[in-house]
C-alpha cells in the first residue's frame, strides 16, 4: 500500500499540530534557563558573595550592600526611596 500525496499532507499536518505546542514549551524553557544562567552569573560576580566579604567590618559590609542595592535598582530602572 502506498500513500498518496493527500495522505502525506494529512500526516504532516497531524505531526505539526502535535509538535507545535511542544516547540513553544521548549522555547519557554530555553528562555528560563538563559535567565537563570544570567542570574547565577550576576550572583557570582557580586561582591556580596565574595569570600572576603565576611571579613569586612560592619560599616564596610553595609556600604557594599548599599552599593549593590543601588546598582540593582539602576538595572531594574527604579528609584529607591530616600529618607
PDB file of N, CA and C in Angstrom:
ATOM      1  N   UNK A   1       0.841  -1.171   0.000  1.00  0.00           N
ATOM      2  CA  UNK A   1       0.000   0.000   0.000  1.00  0.00           C
ATOM      3  C   UNK A   1       0.889   1.238   0.000  1.00  0.00           C
ATOM      4  N   UNK A   2       0.664   2.108  -0.928  1.00  0.00           N
ATOM      5  CA  UNK A   2       1.444   3.342  -0.989  1.00  0.00           C
ATOM      6  C   UNK A   2       0.561   4.526  -0.585  1.00  0.00           C
ATOM      7  N   UNK A   3       1.203   5.499  -0.021  1.00  0.00           N
ATOM      8  CA  UNK A   3       0.480   6.677   0.445  1.00  0.00           C
ATOM      9  C   UNK A   3       0.370   7.698  -0.675  1.00  0.00           C
ATOM     10  N   UNK A   4      -0.775   8.321  -0.747  1.00  0.00           N
ATOM     11  CA  UNK A   4      -0.986   9.364  -1.743  1.00  0.00           C
ATOM     12  C   UNK A   4      -0.416  10.679  -1.219  1.00  0.00           C
ATOM     13  N   UNK A   5      -0.344  11.641  -2.077  1.00  0.00           N
ATOM     14  CA  UNK A   5       0.138  12.973  -1.679  1.00  0.00           C
ATOM     15  C   UNK A   5      -0.784  13.571  -0.616  1.00  0.00           C
ATOM     16  N   UNK A   6      -2.070  13.317  -0.755  1.00  0.00           N
ATOM     17  CA  UNK A   6      -3.050  13.801   0.231  1.00  0.00           C
ATOM     18  C   UNK A   6      -2.813  13.140   1.595  1.00  0.00           C
ATOM     19  N   UNK A   7      -2.538  11.833   1.588  1.00  0.00           N
ATOM     20  CA  UNK A   7      -2.236  11.120   2.841  1.00  0.00           C
ATOM     21  C   UNK A   7      -1.008  11.726   3.525  1.00  0.00           C
ATOM     22  N   UNK A   8       0.030  11.955   2.738  1.00  0.00           N
ATOM     23  CA  UNK A   8       1.257  12.526   3.279  1.00  0.00           C
ATOM     24  C   UNK A   8       1.030  13.929   3.851  1.00  0.00           C
ATOM     25  N   UNK A   9       0.205  14.697   3.171  1.00  0.00           N
ATOM     26  CA  UNK A   9      -0.112  16.049   3.644  1.00  0.00           C
ATOM     27  C   UNK A   9      -0.876  15.990   4.965  1.00  0.00           C
ATOM     28  N   UNK A  10      -1.792  15.055   5.091  1.00  0.00           N
ATOM     29  CA  UNK A  10      -2.555  14.906   6.331  1.00  0.00           C
ATOM     30  C   UNK A  10      -1.643  14.460   7.479  1.00  0.00           C
ATOM     31  N   UNK A  11      -0.742  13.537   7.198  1.00  0.00           N
ATOM     32  CA  UNK A  11       0.203  13.082   8.221  1.00  0.00           C
ATOM     33  C   UNK A  11       1.088  14.247   8.672  1.00  0.00           C
ATOM     34  N   UNK A  12       1.568  15.025   7.712  1.00  0.00           N
ATOM     35  CA  UNK A  12       2.407  16.173   8.027  1.00  0.00           C
ATOM     36  C   UNK A  12       1.647  17.167   8.902  1.00  0.00           C
ATOM     37  N   UNK A  13       0.409  17.406   8.584  1.00  0.00           N
ATOM     38  CA  UNK A  13      -0.421  18.338   9.356  1.00  0.00           C
ATOM     39  C   UNK A  13      -0.627  17.836  10.789  1.00  0.00           C
ATOM     40  N   UNK A  14      -0.883  16.550  10.936  1.00  0.00           N
ATOM     41  CA  UNK A  14      -1.080  15.956  12.261  1.00  0.00           C
ATOM     42  C   UNK A  14       0.193  16.073  13.096  1.00  0.00           C
ATOM     43  N   UNK A  15       1.318  15.773  12.491  1.00  0.00           N
ATOM     44  CA  UNK A  15       2.596  15.841  13.203  1.00  0.00           C
ATOM     45  C   UNK A  15       2.905  17.281  13.608  1.00  0.00           C
ATOM     46  N   UNK A  16       2.705  18.215  12.697  1.00  0.00           N
ATOM     47  CA  UNK A  16       2.966  19.628  13.009  1.00  0.00           C
ATOM     48  C   UNK A  16       2.077  20.106  14.150  1.00  0.00           C
ATOM     49  N   UNK A  17       0.810  19.725  14.145  1.00  0.00           N
ATOM     50  CA  UNK A  17      -0.111  20.127  15.208  1.00  0.00           C
ATOM     51  C   UNK A  17       0.295  19.527  16.556  1.00  0.00           C
ATOM     52  N   UNK A  18       0.870  18.335  16.532  1.00  0.00           N
ATOM     53  CA  UNK A  18       1.298  17.682  17.773  1.00  0.00           C
ATOM     54  C   UNK A  18       2.601  18.295  18.293  1.00  0.00           C
ATOM     55  N   UNK A  19       3.482  18.701  17.391  1.00  0.00           N
ATOM     56  CA  UNK A  19       4.797  19.209  17.785  1.00  0.00           C
ATOM     57  C   UNK A  19       4.755  20.694  18.155  1.00  0.00           C
ATOM     58  N   UNK A  20       3.857  21.444  17.574  1.00  0.00           N
ATOM     59  CA  UNK A  20       3.823  22.889  17.780  1.00  0.00           C
ATOM     60  C   UNK A  20       3.734  23.292  19.257  1.00  0.00           C
ATOM     61  N   UNK A  21       2.825  22.717  20.058  1.00  0.00           N
ATOM     62  CA  UNK A  21       2.789  23.104  21.480  1.00  0.00           C
ATOM     63  C   UNK A  21       4.076  22.734  22.214  1.00  0.00           C
ATOM     64  N   UNK A  22       4.676  21.632  21.851  1.00  0.00           N
ATOM     65  CA  UNK A  22       5.920  21.207  22.488  1.00  0.00           C
ATOM     66  C   UNK A  22       7.032  22.187  22.130  1.00  0.00           C
ATOM     67  N   UNK A  23       7.072  22.635  20.909  1.00  0.00           N
ATOM     68  CA  UNK A  23       8.094  23.587  20.473  1.00  0.00           C
ATOM     69  C   UNK A  23       7.989  24.884  21.264  1.00  0.00           C
ATOM     70  N   UNK A  24       6.757  25.362  21.477  1.00  0.00           N
ATOM     71  CA  UNK A  24       6.555  26.582  22.266  1.00  0.00           C
ATOM     72  C   UNK A  24       7.046  26.416  23.691  1.00  0.00           C
ATOM     73  N   UNK A  25       6.792  25.250  24.275  1.00  0.00           N
ATOM     74  CA  UNK A  25       7.252  24.981  25.639  1.00  0.00           C
ATOM     75  C   UNK A  25       8.770  24.893  25.692  1.00  0.00           C
ATOM     76  N   UNK A  26       9.380  24.323  24.672  1.00  0.00           N
ATOM     77  CA  UNK A  26      10.845  24.242  24.618  1.00  0.00           C
ATOM     78  C   UNK A  26      11.469  25.634  24.524  1.00  0.00           C
ATOM     79  N   UNK A  27      10.860  26.498  23.736  1.00  0.00           N
ATOM     80  CA  UNK A  27      11.354  27.865  23.634  1.00  0.00           C
ATOM     81  C   UNK A  27      11.257  28.575  24.977  1.00  0.00           C
ATOM     82  N   UNK A  28      10.130  28.379  25.688  1.00  0.00           N
ATOM     83  CA  UNK A  28       9.953  28.989  27.001  1.00  0.00           C
ATOM     84  C   UNK A  28      10.989  28.466  27.993  1.00  0.00           C
ATOM     85  N   UNK A  29      11.230  27.163  27.971  1.00  0.00           N
ATOM     86  CA  UNK A  29      12.248  26.579  28.847  1.00  0.00           C
ATOM     87  C   UNK A  29      13.638  27.122  28.537  1.00  0.00           C
ATOM     88  N   UNK A  30      13.927  27.264  27.254  1.00  0.00           N
ATOM     89  CA  UNK A  30      15.220  27.809  26.856  1.00  0.00           C
ATOM     90  C   UNK A  30      15.395  29.227  27.406  1.00  0.00           C
ATOM     91  N   UNK A  31      14.345  30.029  27.318  1.00  0.00           N
ATOM     92  CA  UNK A  31      14.400  31.388  27.863  1.00  0.00           C
ATOM     93  C   UNK A  31      14.591  31.386  29.369  1.00  0.00           C
ATOM     94  N   UNK A  32      13.893  30.498  30.064  1.00  0.00           N
ATOM     95  CA  UNK A  32      14.029  30.400  31.520  1.00  0.00           C
ATOM     96  C   UNK A  32      15.437  29.984  31.918  1.00  0.00           C
ATOM     97  N   UNK A  33      15.998  29.031  31.197  1.00  0.00           N
ATOM     98  CA  UNK A  33      17.350  28.560  31.504  1.00  0.00           C
ATOM     99  C   UNK A  33      18.365  29.676  31.286  1.00  0.00           C
ATOM    100  N   UNK A  34      18.213  30.434  30.210  1.00  0.00           N
ATOM    101  CA  UNK A  34      19.117  31.556  29.967  1.00  0.00           C
ATOM    102  C   UNK A  34      19.010  32.587  31.081  1.00  0.00           C
ATOM    103  N   UNK A  35      17.795  32.884  31.500  1.00  0.00           N
ATOM    104  CA  UNK A  35      17.584  33.854  32.571  1.00  0.00           C
ATOM    105  C   UNK A  35      18.235  33.384  33.871  1.00  0.00           C
ATOM    106  N   UNK A  36      18.061  32.105  34.197  1.00  0.00           N
ATOM    107  CA  UNK A  36      18.690  31.552  35.403  1.00  0.00           C
ATOM    108  C   UNK A  36      20.210  31.605  35.306  1.00  0.00           C
ATOM    109  N   UNK A  37      20.733  31.297  34.142  1.00  0.00           N
ATOM    110  CA  UNK A  37      22.173  31.340  33.932  1.00  0.00           C
ATOM    111  C   UNK A  37      22.713  32.747  34.194  1.00  0.00           C
ATOM    112  N   UNK A  38      22.034  33.755  33.645  1.00  0.00           N
ATOM    113  CA  UNK A  38      22.491  35.128  33.835  1.00  0.00           C
ATOM    114  C   UNK A  38      22.346  35.566  35.291  1.00  0.00           C
ATOM    115  N   UNK A  39      21.297  35.109  35.977  1.00  0.00           N
ATOM    116  CA  UNK A  39      21.135  35.433  37.389  1.00  0.00           C
ATOM    117  C   UNK A  39      22.278  34.836  38.213  1.00  0.00           C
ATOM    118  N   UNK A  40      22.626  33.588  37.930  1.00  0.00           N
ATOM    119  CA  UNK A  40      23.720  32.931  38.652  1.00  0.00           C
ATOM    120  C   UNK A  40      25.039  33.632  38.354  1.00  0.00           C
ATOM    121  N   UNK A  41      25.253  33.996  37.104  1.00  0.00           N
ATOM    122  CA  UNK A  41      26.487  34.694  36.735  1.00  0.00           C
ATOM    123  C   UNK A  41      26.579  36.026  37.464  1.00  0.00           C
ATOM    124  N   UNK A  42      25.457  36.750  37.567  1.00  0.00           N
ATOM    125  CA  UNK A  42      25.453  38.021  38.296  1.00  0.00           C
ATOM    126  C   UNK A  42      25.767  37.809  39.771  1.00  0.00           C
ATOM    127  N   UNK A  43      25.204  36.767  40.347  1.00  0.00           N
ATOM    128  CA  UNK A  43      25.476  36.479  41.756  1.00  0.00           C
ATOM    129  C   UNK A  43      26.945  36.153  41.984  1.00  0.00           C
ATOM    130  N   UNK A  44      27.542  35.434  41.074  1.00  0.00           N
ATOM    131  CA  UNK A  44      28.941  35.056  41.223  1.00  0.00           C
ATOM    132  C   UNK A  44      29.868  36.259  41.098  1.00  0.00           C
ATOM    133  N   UNK A  45      29.434  37.269  40.359  1.00  0.00           N
ATOM    134  CA  UNK A  45      30.241  38.479  40.218  1.00  0.00           C
ATOM    135  C   UNK A  45      29.989  39.449  41.359  1.00  0.00           C
ATOM    136  N   UNK A  46      28.945  39.233  42.116  1.00  0.00           N
ATOM    137  CA  UNK A  46      28.563  40.130  43.187  1.00  0.00           C
ATOM    138  C   UNK A  46      29.607  40.137  44.293  1.00  0.00           C
ATOM    139  N   UNK A  47      29.859  41.314  44.835  1.00  0.00           N
ATOM    140  CA  UNK A  47      30.816  41.406  45.941  1.00  0.00           C
ATOM    141  C   UNK A  47      30.253  40.808  47.215  1.00  0.00           C
ATOM    142  N   UNK A  48      28.924  40.671  47.286  1.00  0.00           N
ATOM    143  CA  UNK A  48      28.301  40.100  48.476  1.00  0.00           C
ATOM    144  C   UNK A  48      28.700  38.636  48.649  1.00  0.00           C
ATOM    145  N   UNK A  49      28.871  37.936  47.568  1.00  0.00           N
ATOM    146  CA  UNK A  49      29.248  36.523  47.656  1.00  0.00           C
ATOM    147  C   UNK A  49      30.761  36.335  47.713  1.00  0.00           C
ATOM    148  N   UNK A  50      31.491  37.432  47.705  1.00  0.00           N
ATOM    149  CA  UNK A  50      32.949  37.364  47.799  1.00  0.00           C
ATOM    150  C   UNK A  50      33.349  36.763  49.147  1.00  0.00           C
ATOM    151  N   UNK A  51      34.337  35.910  49.134  1.00  0.00           N
ATOM    152  CA  UNK A  51      34.790  35.242  50.360  1.00  0.00           C
ATOM    153  C   UNK A  51      35.326  36.242  51.382  1.00  0.00           C
ATOM    154  N   UNK A  52      35.860  37.341  50.896  1.00  0.00           N
ATOM    155  CA  UNK A  52      36.410  38.348  51.791  1.00  0.00           C
ATOM    156  C   UNK A  52      35.325  39.216  52.434  1.00  0.00           C
ATOM    157  N   UNK A  53      34.102  39.113  51.937  1.00  0.00           N
ATOM    158  CA  UNK A  53      33.009  39.927  52.464  1.00  0.00           C
ATOM    159  C   UNK A  53      32.806  39.671  53.960  1.00  0.00           C
ATOM    160  N   UNK A  54      32.919  38.423  54.373  1.00  0.00           N
ATOM    161  CA  UNK A  54      32.717  38.074  55.778  1.00  0.00           C
ATOM    162  C   UNK A  54      33.743  38.747  56.682  1.00  0.00           C
ATOM    163  N   UNK A  55      34.902  39.056  56.131  1.00  0.00           N
ATOM    164  CA  UNK A  55      35.986  39.635  56.920  1.00  0.00           C
ATOM    165  C   UNK A  55      35.849  41.147  57.085  1.00  0.00           C
ATOM    166  N   UNK A  56      34.969  41.769  56.319  1.00  0.00           N
ATOM    167  CA  UNK A  56      34.831  43.220  56.368  1.00  0.00           C
ATOM    168  C   UNK A  56      34.185  43.669  57.675  1.00  0.00           C
ATOM    169  N   UNK A  57      34.435  44.923  58.007  1.00  0.00           N
ATOM    170  CA  UNK A  57      33.759  45.489  59.168  1.00  0.00           C
ATOM    171  C   UNK A  57      32.283  45.673  58.829  1.00  0.00           C
ATOM    172  N   UNK A  58      31.476  45.852  59.853  1.00  0.00           N
ATOM    173  CA  UNK A  58      30.039  46.042  59.645  1.00  0.00           C
ATOM    174  C   UNK A  58      29.784  47.255  58.756  1.00  0.00           C
ATOM    175  N   UNK A  59      30.542  48.324  58.987  1.00  0.00           N
ATOM    176  CA  UNK A  59      30.367  49.533  58.178  1.00  0.00           C
ATOM    177  C   UNK A  59      30.658  49.250  56.705  1.00  0.00           C
ATOM    178  N   UNK A  60      31.745  48.554  56.422  1.00  0.00           N
ATOM    179  CA  UNK A  60      32.108  48.226  55.041  1.00  0.00           C
ATOM    180  C   UNK A  60      31.067  47.301  54.404  1.00  0.00           C
ATOM    181  N   UNK A  61      30.551  46.356  55.203  1.00  0.00           N
ATOM    182  CA  UNK A  61      29.512  45.460  54.684  1.00  0.00           C
ATOM    183  C   UNK A  61      28.277  46.253  54.288  1.00  0.00           C
ATOM    184  N   UNK A  62      27.857  47.186  55.149  1.00  0.00           N
ATOM    185  CA  UNK A  62      26.664  47.991  54.849  1.00  0.00           C
ATOM    186  C   UNK A  62      26.876  48.875  53.632  1.00  0.00           C
ATOM    187  N   UNK A  63      28.064  49.453  53.505  1.00  0.00           N
ATOM    188  CA  UNK A  63      28.348  50.285  52.331  1.00  0.00           C
ATOM    189  C   UNK A  63      28.338  49.444  51.051  1.00  0.00           C
ATOM    190  N   UNK A  64      28.884  48.243  51.144  1.00  0.00           N
ATOM    191  CA  UNK A  64      28.889  47.335  49.992  1.00  0.00           C
ATOM    192  C   UNK A  64      27.470  46.928  49.626  1.00  0.00           C
ATOM    193  N   UNK A  65      26.677  46.566  50.624  1.00  0.00           N
ATOM    194  CA  UNK A  65      25.282  46.186  50.374  1.00  0.00           C
ATOM    195  C   UNK A  65      24.505  47.341  49.755  1.00  0.00           C
ATOM    196  N   UNK A  66      24.743  48.543  50.252  1.00  0.00           N
ATOM    197  CA  UNK A  66      24.068  49.717  49.706  1.00  0.00           C
ATOM    198  C   UNK A  66      24.434  49.923  48.239  1.00  0.00           C
ATOM    199  N   UNK A  67      25.716  49.784  47.925  1.00  0.00           N
ATOM    200  CA  UNK A  67      26.149  49.941  46.533  1.00  0.00           C
ATOM    201  C   UNK A  67      25.519  48.876  45.637  1.00  0.00           C
ATOM    202  N   UNK A  68      25.470  47.641  46.135  1.00  0.00           N
ATOM    203  CA  UNK A  68      24.843  46.553  45.363  1.00  0.00           C
ATOM    204  C   UNK A  68      23.358  46.855  45.133  1.00  0.00           C
ATOM    205  N   UNK A  69      22.687  47.328  46.164  1.00  0.00           N
ATOM    206  CA  UNK A  69      21.258  47.640  46.066  1.00  0.00           C
ATOM    207  C   UNK A  69      21.012  48.764  45.068  1.00  0.00           C
ATOM    208  N   UNK A  70      21.832  49.798  45.118  1.00  0.00           N
ATOM    209  CA  UNK A  70      21.687  50.900  44.163  1.00  0.00           C
ATOM    210  C   UNK A  70      21.928  50.435  42.731  1.00  0.00           C
ATOM    211  N   UNK A  71      22.930  49.574  42.528  1.00  0.00           N
ATOM    212  CA  UNK A  71      23.191  49.043  41.183  1.00  0.00           C
ATOM    213  C   UNK A  71      22.028  48.196  40.688  1.00  0.00           C
ATOM    214  N   UNK A  72      21.465  47.367  41.561  1.00  0.00           N
ATOM    215  CA  UNK A  72      20.336  46.521  41.172  1.00  0.00           C
ATOM    216  C   UNK A  72      19.130  47.383  40.812  1.00  0.00           C
ATOM    217  N   UNK A  73      18.897  48.425  41.595  1.00  0.00           N
ATOM    218  CA  UNK A  73      17.772  49.323  41.310  1.00  0.00           C
ATOM    219  C   UNK A  73      17.972  50.038  39.977  1.00  0.00           C
ATOM    220  N   UNK A  74      19.202  50.455  39.719  1.00  0.00           N
ATOM    221  CA  UNK A  74      19.502  51.126  38.455  1.00  0.00           C
ATOM    222  C   UNK A  74      19.249  50.190  37.275  1.00  0.00           C
ATOM    223  N   UNK A  75      19.691  48.942  37.395  1.00  0.00           N
ATOM    224  CA  UNK A  75      19.461  47.951  36.336  1.00  0.00           C
ATOM    225  C   UNK A  75      17.973  47.702  36.124  1.00  0.00           C
ATOM    226  N   UNK A  76      17.206  47.732  37.223  1.00  0.00           N
ATOM    227  CA  UNK A  76      15.770  47.484  37.136  1.00  0.00           C
ATOM    228  C   UNK A  76      15.015  48.725  36.671  1.00  0.00           C
ATOM    229  N   UNK A  77      15.710  49.865  36.640  1.00  0.00           N
ATOM    230  CA  UNK A  77      15.066  51.093  36.178  1.00  0.00           C
ATOM    231  C   UNK A  77      14.141  51.707  37.214  1.00  0.00           C
ATOM    232  N   UNK A  78      14.455  51.492  38.485  1.00  0.00           N
ATOM    233  CA  UNK A  78      13.612  52.068  39.539  1.00  0.00           C
ATOM    234  C   UNK A  78      14.447  52.992  40.419  1.00  0.00           C
ATOM    235  N   UNK A  79      13.749  53.922  41.084  1.00  0.00           N
ATOM    236  CA  UNK A  79      14.386  54.826  42.013  1.00  0.00           C
ATOM    237  C   UNK A  79      13.981  54.414  43.403  1.00  0.00           C
ATOM    238  N   UNK A  80      14.961  54.189  44.241  1.00  0.00           N
ATOM    239  CA  UNK A  80      14.677  53.785  45.615  1.00  0.00           C
ATOM    240  C   UNK A  80      14.334  55.008  46.452  1.00  0.00           C
ATOM    241  N   UNK A  81      13.378  54.841  47.362  1.00  0.00           N
ATOM    242  CA  UNK A  81      13.032  55.980  48.228  1.00  0.00           C
ATOM    243  C   UNK A  81      14.182  56.292  49.184  1.00  0.00           C
ATOM    244  N   UNK A  82      14.389  57.557  49.412  1.00  0.00           N
ATOM    245  CA  UNK A  82      15.435  58.003  50.340  1.00  0.00           C
ATOM    246  C   UNK A  82      14.776  58.825  51.442  1.00  0.00           C
ATOM    247  N   UNK A  83      15.240  58.651  52.682  1.00  0.00           N
ATOM    248  CA  UNK A  83      14.664  59.448  53.784  1.00  0.00           C
ATOM    249  C   UNK A  83      15.031  60.908  53.675  1.00  0.00           C
TER     250      UNK A  83
END
